[in-house]
C-alpha atoms as a PDB file:
ATOM      1  CA  MET A   1      -5.808 -19.148 -10.386  1.00  0.00           C
ATOM      2  CA  THR A   2      -6.193 -16.773  -7.562  1.00  0.00           C
ATOM      3  CA  LEU A   3      -8.895 -13.716  -7.524  1.00  0.00           C
ATOM      4  CA  TRP A   4      -6.190 -11.096  -7.227  1.00  0.00           C
ATOM      5  CA  GLN A   5      -4.362 -12.700 -10.174  1.00  0.00           C
ATOM      6  CA  LYS A   6      -7.933 -12.602 -12.031  1.00  0.00           C
ATOM      7  CA  ILE A   7      -8.259  -8.810 -11.265  1.00  0.00           C
ATOM      8  CA  ILE A   8      -4.787  -7.859 -12.243  1.00  0.00           C
ATOM      9  CA  ASP A   9      -4.916 -10.111 -15.603  1.00  0.00           C
ATOM     10  CA  SER A  10      -8.040  -8.096 -16.553  1.00  0.00           C
ATOM     11  CA  ILE A  11      -6.498  -4.526 -16.100  1.00  0.00           C
ATOM     12  CA  TYR A  12      -2.896  -5.169 -16.823  1.00  0.00           C
ATOM     13  CA  PRO A  13      -1.173  -6.336 -20.275  1.00  0.00           C
ATOM     14  CA  ALA A  14       0.560  -9.189 -19.651  1.00  0.00           C
ATOM     15  CA  GLY A  15       4.222  -8.514 -19.839  1.00  0.00           C
ATOM     16  CA  SER A  16       3.909  -5.053 -19.678  1.00  0.00           C
ATOM     17  CA  LYS A  17       6.538  -3.124 -17.507  1.00  0.00           C
ATOM     18  CA  ALA A  18       3.738  -1.764 -15.186  1.00  0.00           C
ATOM     19  CA  CYS A  19       2.737  -5.155 -14.685  1.00  0.00           C
ATOM     20  CA  GLY A  20       6.136  -6.405 -13.936  1.00  0.00           C
ATOM     21  CA  ILE A  21       6.366  -3.655 -11.560  1.00  0.00           C
ATOM     22  CA  LEU A  22       3.033  -4.259  -9.915  1.00  0.00           C
ATOM     23  CA  LEU A  23       3.632  -7.759  -9.429  1.00  0.00           C
ATOM     24  CA  SER A  24       7.303  -7.467  -7.898  1.00  0.00           C
ATOM     25  CA  HIS A  25       6.351  -4.971  -5.661  1.00  0.00           C
ATOM     26  CA  SER A  26       3.300  -6.369  -4.308  1.00  0.00           C
ATOM     27  CA  ARG A  27       4.824  -9.592  -3.730  1.00  0.00           C
ATOM     28  CA  SER A  28       7.518  -7.782  -1.709  1.00  0.00           C
ATOM     29  CA  VAL A  29       4.660  -6.362   0.251  1.00  0.00           C
ATOM     30  CA  ALA A  30       2.833  -9.241   0.576  1.00  0.00           C
ATOM     31  CA  ASP A  31       5.944 -11.691   1.766  1.00  0.00           C
ATOM     32  CA  GLU A  32       6.516  -8.287   4.700  1.00  0.00           C
ATOM     33  CA  ALA A  33       3.098  -8.725   5.721  1.00  0.00           C
ATOM     34  CA  LEU A  34       3.238 -12.409   5.561  1.00  0.00           C
ATOM     35  CA  GLY A  35       6.187 -12.636   7.973  1.00  0.00           C
ATOM     36  CA  ILE A  36       4.432 -10.095  10.047  1.00  0.00           C
ATOM     37  CA  ALA A  37       1.511 -11.661  10.534  1.00  0.00           C
ATOM     38  CA  HIS A  38       3.225 -15.032  11.410  1.00  0.00           C
ATOM     39  CA  ARG A  39       5.748 -13.893  13.788  1.00  0.00           C
ATOM     40  CA  LEU A  40       2.721 -11.846  15.902  1.00  0.00           C
ATOM     41  CA  HIS A  41       0.350 -14.516  15.461  1.00  0.00           C
ATOM     42  CA  LEU A  42      -2.056 -12.024  13.652  1.00  0.00           C
ATOM     43  CA  PRO A  43      -5.646 -13.130  13.506  1.00  0.00           C
ATOM     44  CA  LEU A  44      -6.013 -13.053   9.609  1.00  0.00           C
ATOM     45  CA  SER A  45      -5.817 -15.252   7.057  1.00  0.00           C
ATOM     46  CA  ASP A  46      -2.649 -16.026   4.313  1.00  0.00           C
ATOM     47  CA  GLU A  47      -4.868 -15.729   1.740  1.00  0.00           C
ATOM     48  CA  GLU A  48      -6.828 -12.136   2.599  1.00  0.00           C
ATOM     49  CA  ILE A  49      -2.958 -10.777   3.538  1.00  0.00           C
ATOM     50  CA  GLU A  50      -2.046 -12.168   0.018  1.00  0.00           C
ATOM     51  CA  SER A  51      -4.991 -10.886  -1.557  1.00  0.00           C
ATOM     52  CA  ALA A  52      -4.622  -7.381  -0.013  1.00  0.00           C
ATOM     53  CA  ALA A  53      -1.185  -6.974  -0.726  1.00  0.00           C
ATOM     54  CA  MET A  54      -1.403  -7.759  -4.143  1.00  0.00           C
ATOM     55  CA  LEU A  55      -4.282  -5.458  -4.746  1.00  0.00           C
ATOM     56  CA  HIS A  56      -3.230  -2.917  -2.782  1.00  0.00           C
ATOM     57  CA  ASP A  57      -1.345  -0.657  -5.965  1.00  0.00           C
ATOM     58  CA  ILE A  58      -3.945  -1.876  -8.829  1.00  0.00           C
ATOM     59  CA  GLY A  59      -4.579   1.450  -9.630  1.00  0.00           C
ATOM     60  CA  ILE A  60      -0.962   2.705 -10.589  1.00  0.00           C
ATOM     61  CA  ILE A  61      -1.843   1.883 -14.349  1.00  0.00           C
ATOM     62  CA  ALA A  62      -4.269   4.601 -14.286  1.00  0.00           C
ATOM     63  CA  THR A  63      -1.794   7.397 -13.445  1.00  0.00           C
ATOM     64  CA  ASP A  64       0.677   9.557 -15.278  1.00  0.00           C
ATOM     65  CA  ALA A  65       4.045   7.688 -13.989  1.00  0.00           C
ATOM     66  CA  PRO A  66       6.026   6.888 -17.115  1.00  0.00           C
ATOM     67  CA  GLY A  67       8.955   5.554 -15.120  1.00  0.00           C
ATOM     68  CA  ILE A  68       7.024   2.930 -14.093  1.00  0.00           C
ATOM     69  CA  GLY A  69       5.001   1.875 -17.411  1.00  0.00           C
ATOM     70  CA  CYS A  70       2.107   3.957 -16.510  1.00  0.00           C
ATOM     71  CA  HIS A  71       0.723   6.327 -18.418  1.00  0.00           C
ATOM     72  CA  GLY A  72      -2.988   7.181 -17.263  1.00  0.00           C
ATOM     73  CA  LYS A  73      -4.275  10.717 -16.665  1.00  0.00           C
ATOM     74  CA  TYR A  74      -4.269  10.989 -12.792  1.00  0.00           C
ATOM     75  CA  PRO A  75      -1.697  11.723 -10.651  1.00  0.00           C
ATOM     76  CA  TYR A  76       0.295   8.963  -8.937  1.00  0.00           C
ATOM     77  CA  LEU A  77      -0.394  10.412  -5.555  1.00  0.00           C
ATOM     78  CA  ILE A  78      -4.123   9.175  -5.985  1.00  0.00           C
ATOM     79  CA  HIS A  79      -3.184   5.655  -7.237  1.00  0.00           C
ATOM     80  CA  GLY A  80      -4.883   4.101  -4.057  1.00  0.00           C
ATOM     81  CA  ALA A  81      -8.271   6.121  -4.532  1.00  0.00           C
ATOM     82  CA  VAL A  82      -8.534   5.275  -8.217  1.00  0.00           C
ATOM     83  CA  GLY A  83      -7.528   1.840  -7.594  1.00  0.00           C
ATOM     84  CA  ALA A  84     -10.134   1.269  -5.199  1.00  0.00           C
ATOM     85  CA  ASP A  85     -12.399   2.199  -7.817  1.00  0.00           C
ATOM     86  CA  MET A  86     -11.133  -0.063 -10.227  1.00  0.00           C
ATOM     87  CA  LEU A  87     -11.646  -2.687  -7.212  1.00  0.00           C
ATOM     88  CA  ARG A  88     -15.273  -2.042  -6.525  1.00  0.00           C
ATOM     89  CA  GLU A  89     -16.085  -2.167 -10.390  1.00  0.00           C
ATOM     90  CA  ALA A  90     -14.492  -5.450 -10.712  1.00  0.00           C
ATOM     91  CA  GLY A  91     -16.509  -6.831  -8.035  1.00  0.00           C
ATOM     92  CA  ALA A  92     -13.507  -7.600  -5.529  1.00  0.00           C
ATOM     93  CA  ASP A  93     -14.515  -7.379  -1.819  1.00  0.00           C
ATOM     94  CA  GLU A  94     -14.814  -3.999  -0.326  1.00  0.00           C
ATOM     95  CA  LYS A  95     -12.042  -4.830   2.320  1.00  0.00           C
ATOM     96  CA  TYR A  96      -9.783  -4.469  -0.622  1.00  0.00           C
ATOM     97  CA  ALA A  97     -10.925  -1.203  -2.019  1.00  0.00           C
ATOM     98  CA  ARG A  98     -10.630   0.293   1.409  1.00  0.00           C
ATOM     99  CA  ILE A  99      -7.004  -0.964   1.924  1.00  0.00           C
ATOM    100  CA  ALA A 100      -6.125   0.321  -1.925  1.00  0.00           C
ATOM    101  CA  GLU A 101      -7.473   3.647  -0.650  1.00  0.00           C
ATOM    102  CA  ARG A 102      -5.836   3.904   2.565  1.00  0.00           C
ATOM    103  CA  HIS A 103      -2.365   2.517   2.492  1.00  0.00           C
ATOM    104  CA  THR A 104      -0.681   5.802   1.277  1.00  0.00           C
ATOM    105  CA  GLY A 105       2.155   6.467   3.664  1.00  0.00           C
ATOM    106  CA  ALA A 106       1.040   6.013   6.859  1.00  0.00           C
ATOM    107  CA  GLY A 107      -2.664   7.261   6.077  1.00  0.00           C
ATOM    108  CA  LEU A 108      -3.695  10.685   4.776  1.00  0.00           C
ATOM    109  CA  THR A 109      -6.137  12.733   7.000  1.00  0.00           C
ATOM    110  CA  ALA A 110      -9.006  14.958   5.564  1.00  0.00           C
ATOM    111  CA  GLU A 111      -7.334  17.813   7.107  1.00  0.00           C
ATOM    112  CA  GLU A 112      -3.800  17.122   5.405  1.00  0.00           C
ATOM    113  CA  ILE A 113      -5.234  16.807   2.214  1.00  0.00           C
ATOM    114  CA  ALA A 114      -7.342  20.257   2.595  1.00  0.00           C
ATOM    115  CA  ALA A 115      -4.397  22.203   3.777  1.00  0.00           C
ATOM    116  CA  SER A 116      -1.992  20.469   1.004  1.00  0.00           C
ATOM    117  CA  GLY A 117      -4.747  20.881  -1.796  1.00  0.00           C
ATOM    118  CA  LEU A 118      -4.164  17.279  -2.422  1.00  0.00           C
ATOM    119  CA  PRO A 119      -6.248  15.806  -5.600  1.00  0.00           C
ATOM    120  CA  PHE A 120      -7.981  13.268  -3.794  1.00  0.00           C
ATOM    121  CA  PRO A 121     -11.898  12.486  -4.297  1.00  0.00           C
ATOM    122  CA  GLY A 122     -13.545  14.124  -1.262  1.00  0.00           C
ATOM    123  CA  GLY A 123     -15.930  12.408   1.049  1.00  0.00           C
ATOM    124  CA  ARG A 124     -13.716   9.629   1.687  1.00  0.00           C
ATOM    125  CA  CYS A 125     -11.681   8.330   4.718  1.00  0.00           C
ATOM    126  CA  TYR A 126      -7.710   7.915   3.464  1.00  0.00           C
ATOM    127  CA  MET A 127      -6.524   6.518   7.026  1.00  0.00           C
ATOM    128  CA  PRO A 128      -5.976   2.799   7.627  1.00  0.00           C
ATOM    129  CA  GLU A 129      -8.737   1.676  10.426  1.00  0.00           C
ATOM    130  CA  THR A 130      -8.866  -2.212  10.107  1.00  0.00           C
ATOM    131  CA  LEU A 131      -6.011  -4.566  11.531  1.00  0.00           C
ATOM    132  CA  LEU A 132      -5.826  -5.783   7.880  1.00  0.00           C
ATOM    133  CA  GLU A 133      -5.384  -2.201   6.202  1.00  0.00           C
ATOM    134  CA  LYS A 134      -2.773  -0.977   8.761  1.00  0.00           C
ATOM    135  CA  LEU A 135      -0.738  -4.053   8.022  1.00  0.00           C
ATOM    136  CA  ILE A 136      -0.493  -3.764   4.196  1.00  0.00           C
ATOM    137  CA  CYS A 137      -0.063   0.248   4.786  1.00  0.00           C
ATOM    138  CA  TYR A 138       2.928  -0.499   7.418  1.00  0.00           C
ATOM    139  CA  ALA A 139       4.627  -3.236   4.631  1.00  0.00           C
ATOM    140  CA  ASP A 140       4.220  -1.097   1.880  1.00  0.00           C
ATOM    141  CA  CYS A 141       6.304   1.503   3.501  1.00  0.00           C
ATOM    142  CA  PHE A 142       9.487  -0.406   3.204  1.00  0.00           C
ATOM    143  CA  TYR A 143       9.301  -0.988  -0.319  1.00  0.00           C
ATOM    144  CA  SER A 144       9.572   1.401  -3.827  1.00  0.00           C
ATOM    145  CA  LYS A 145       8.238   0.705  -7.098  1.00  0.00           C
ATOM    146  CA  GLY A 146      12.011   2.146  -8.748  1.00  0.00           C
ATOM    147  CA  GLY A 147      15.085   1.341  -7.509  1.00  0.00           C
ATOM    148  CA  ASP A 148      16.677  -2.310  -6.754  1.00  0.00           C
ATOM    149  CA  GLY A 149      13.560  -3.365  -4.881  1.00  0.00           C
ATOM    150  CA  LYS A 150      15.194  -4.161  -1.579  1.00  0.00           C
ATOM    151  CA  ARG A 151      13.573  -3.512   1.791  1.00  0.00           C
ATOM    152  CA  LYS A 152      14.233  -0.327   3.053  1.00  0.00           C
ATOM    153  CA  SER A 153      15.580   0.227   6.649  1.00  0.00           C
ATOM    154  CA  LEU A 154      13.583   1.543   9.298  1.00  0.00           C
ATOM    155  CA  GLY A 155      15.611   4.732   9.695  1.00  0.00           C
ATOM    156  CA  ARG A 156      15.472   5.457   5.902  1.00  0.00           C
ATOM    157  CA  VAL A 157      11.541   4.754   6.137  1.00  0.00           C
ATOM    158  CA  GLU A 158      11.193   7.295   9.068  1.00  0.00           C
ATOM    159  CA  ALA A 159      13.459  10.006   7.305  1.00  0.00           C
ATOM    160  CA  SER A 160      10.747   9.822   4.496  1.00  0.00           C
ATOM    161  CA  MET A 161       7.841   9.953   6.611  1.00  0.00           C
ATOM    162  CA  ALA A 162       9.419  12.897   8.570  1.00  0.00           C
ATOM    163  CA  LYS A 163       9.516  14.871   5.293  1.00  0.00           C
ATOM    164  CA  PHE A 164       5.552  14.979   5.533  1.00  0.00           C
ATOM    165  CA  GLY A 165       5.742  16.272   9.080  1.00  0.00           C
ATOM    166  CA  ALA A 166       5.376  15.173  12.526  1.00  0.00           C
ATOM    167  CA  ASP A 167       2.119  13.899  12.912  1.00  0.00           C
ATOM    168  CA  VAL A 168       2.712  11.762   9.872  1.00  0.00           C
ATOM    169  CA  LEU A 169       5.997  10.349  11.346  1.00  0.00           C
ATOM    170  CA  ARG A 170       4.097   9.896  14.853  1.00  0.00           C
ATOM    171  CA  ARG A 171       1.386   7.593  12.989  1.00  0.00           C
ATOM    172  CA  PHE A 172       4.135   5.562  11.161  1.00  0.00           C
ATOM    173  CA  ARG A 173       5.700   5.358  14.613  1.00  0.00           C
ATOM    174  CA  VAL A 174       2.291   4.199  15.931  1.00  0.00           C
ATOM    175  CA  LEU A 175       2.201   1.413  13.061  1.00  0.00           C
ATOM    176  CA  ASP A 176       5.717   0.359  13.814  1.00  0.00           C
ATOM    177  CA  ALA A 177       5.184  -0.379  17.521  1.00  0.00           C
ATOM    178  CA  MET A 178       2.168  -2.717  16.268  1.00  0.00           C
ATOM    179  CA  PHE A 179       4.091  -4.508  13.669  1.00  0.00           C
ATOM    180  CA  GLY A 180       7.743  -3.838  13.696  1.00  0.00           C
ATOM    181  CA  GLU A 181      10.605  -5.835  15.387  1.00  0.00           C
ATOM    182  CA  LYS A 182      10.234  -4.472  18.740  1.00  0.00           C
ATOM    183  CA  ALA A 183       6.563  -5.348  18.912  1.00  0.00           C
ATOM    184  CA  ALA A 184       7.706  -8.984  19.110  1.00  0.00           C
ATOM    185  CA  GLY A 185      10.422  -8.287  21.680  1.00  0.00           C
ATOM    186  CA  GLY A 186      13.019  -8.210  19.087  1.00  0.00           C
ATOM    187  CA  SER A 187      15.374  -5.108  17.623  1.00  0.00           C
ATOM    188  CA  GLU A 188      15.126  -3.702  14.364  1.00  0.00           C
ATOM    189  CA  THR A 189      18.496  -3.414  12.349  1.00  0.00           C
END
């Protein structure tokens, strides 16, 4: 059994709706990230990519999101920060905790959090910094936890990012330049 599976099993009730959604969504993100890493020959191991993707949303269970089977006390928006604390408590490598807290959207700046009055714990960076953090953040943008589970088009992701402002869209486009189809000389469909 992998470390990520042990951590998930210790937190999520087997067979629960929340566990099923977490595993399905995280597997899609893992497959996307692994595909990108292989296509671009990124200097990351498959094991660390899979672990990062499977653990990035661990905190959803502690949020108030009944539509995905989560009945916790925290707002869904901060599931990454809550998940980072859960991973630290579980003894996971700090790089996975950092990915959990930095994967939301295209990252969040302290200025955006303050200006919007978002309920994030203070004193933390919510912008992806490492290659692995950026890869998981990017791959996650293409998959929702609800709906049909299919990969979103680049246009749909960009439209979603644009709703949060030009800076967020710009940051996503920087990630797309790093990891998207055009990064390998192809074209996005």
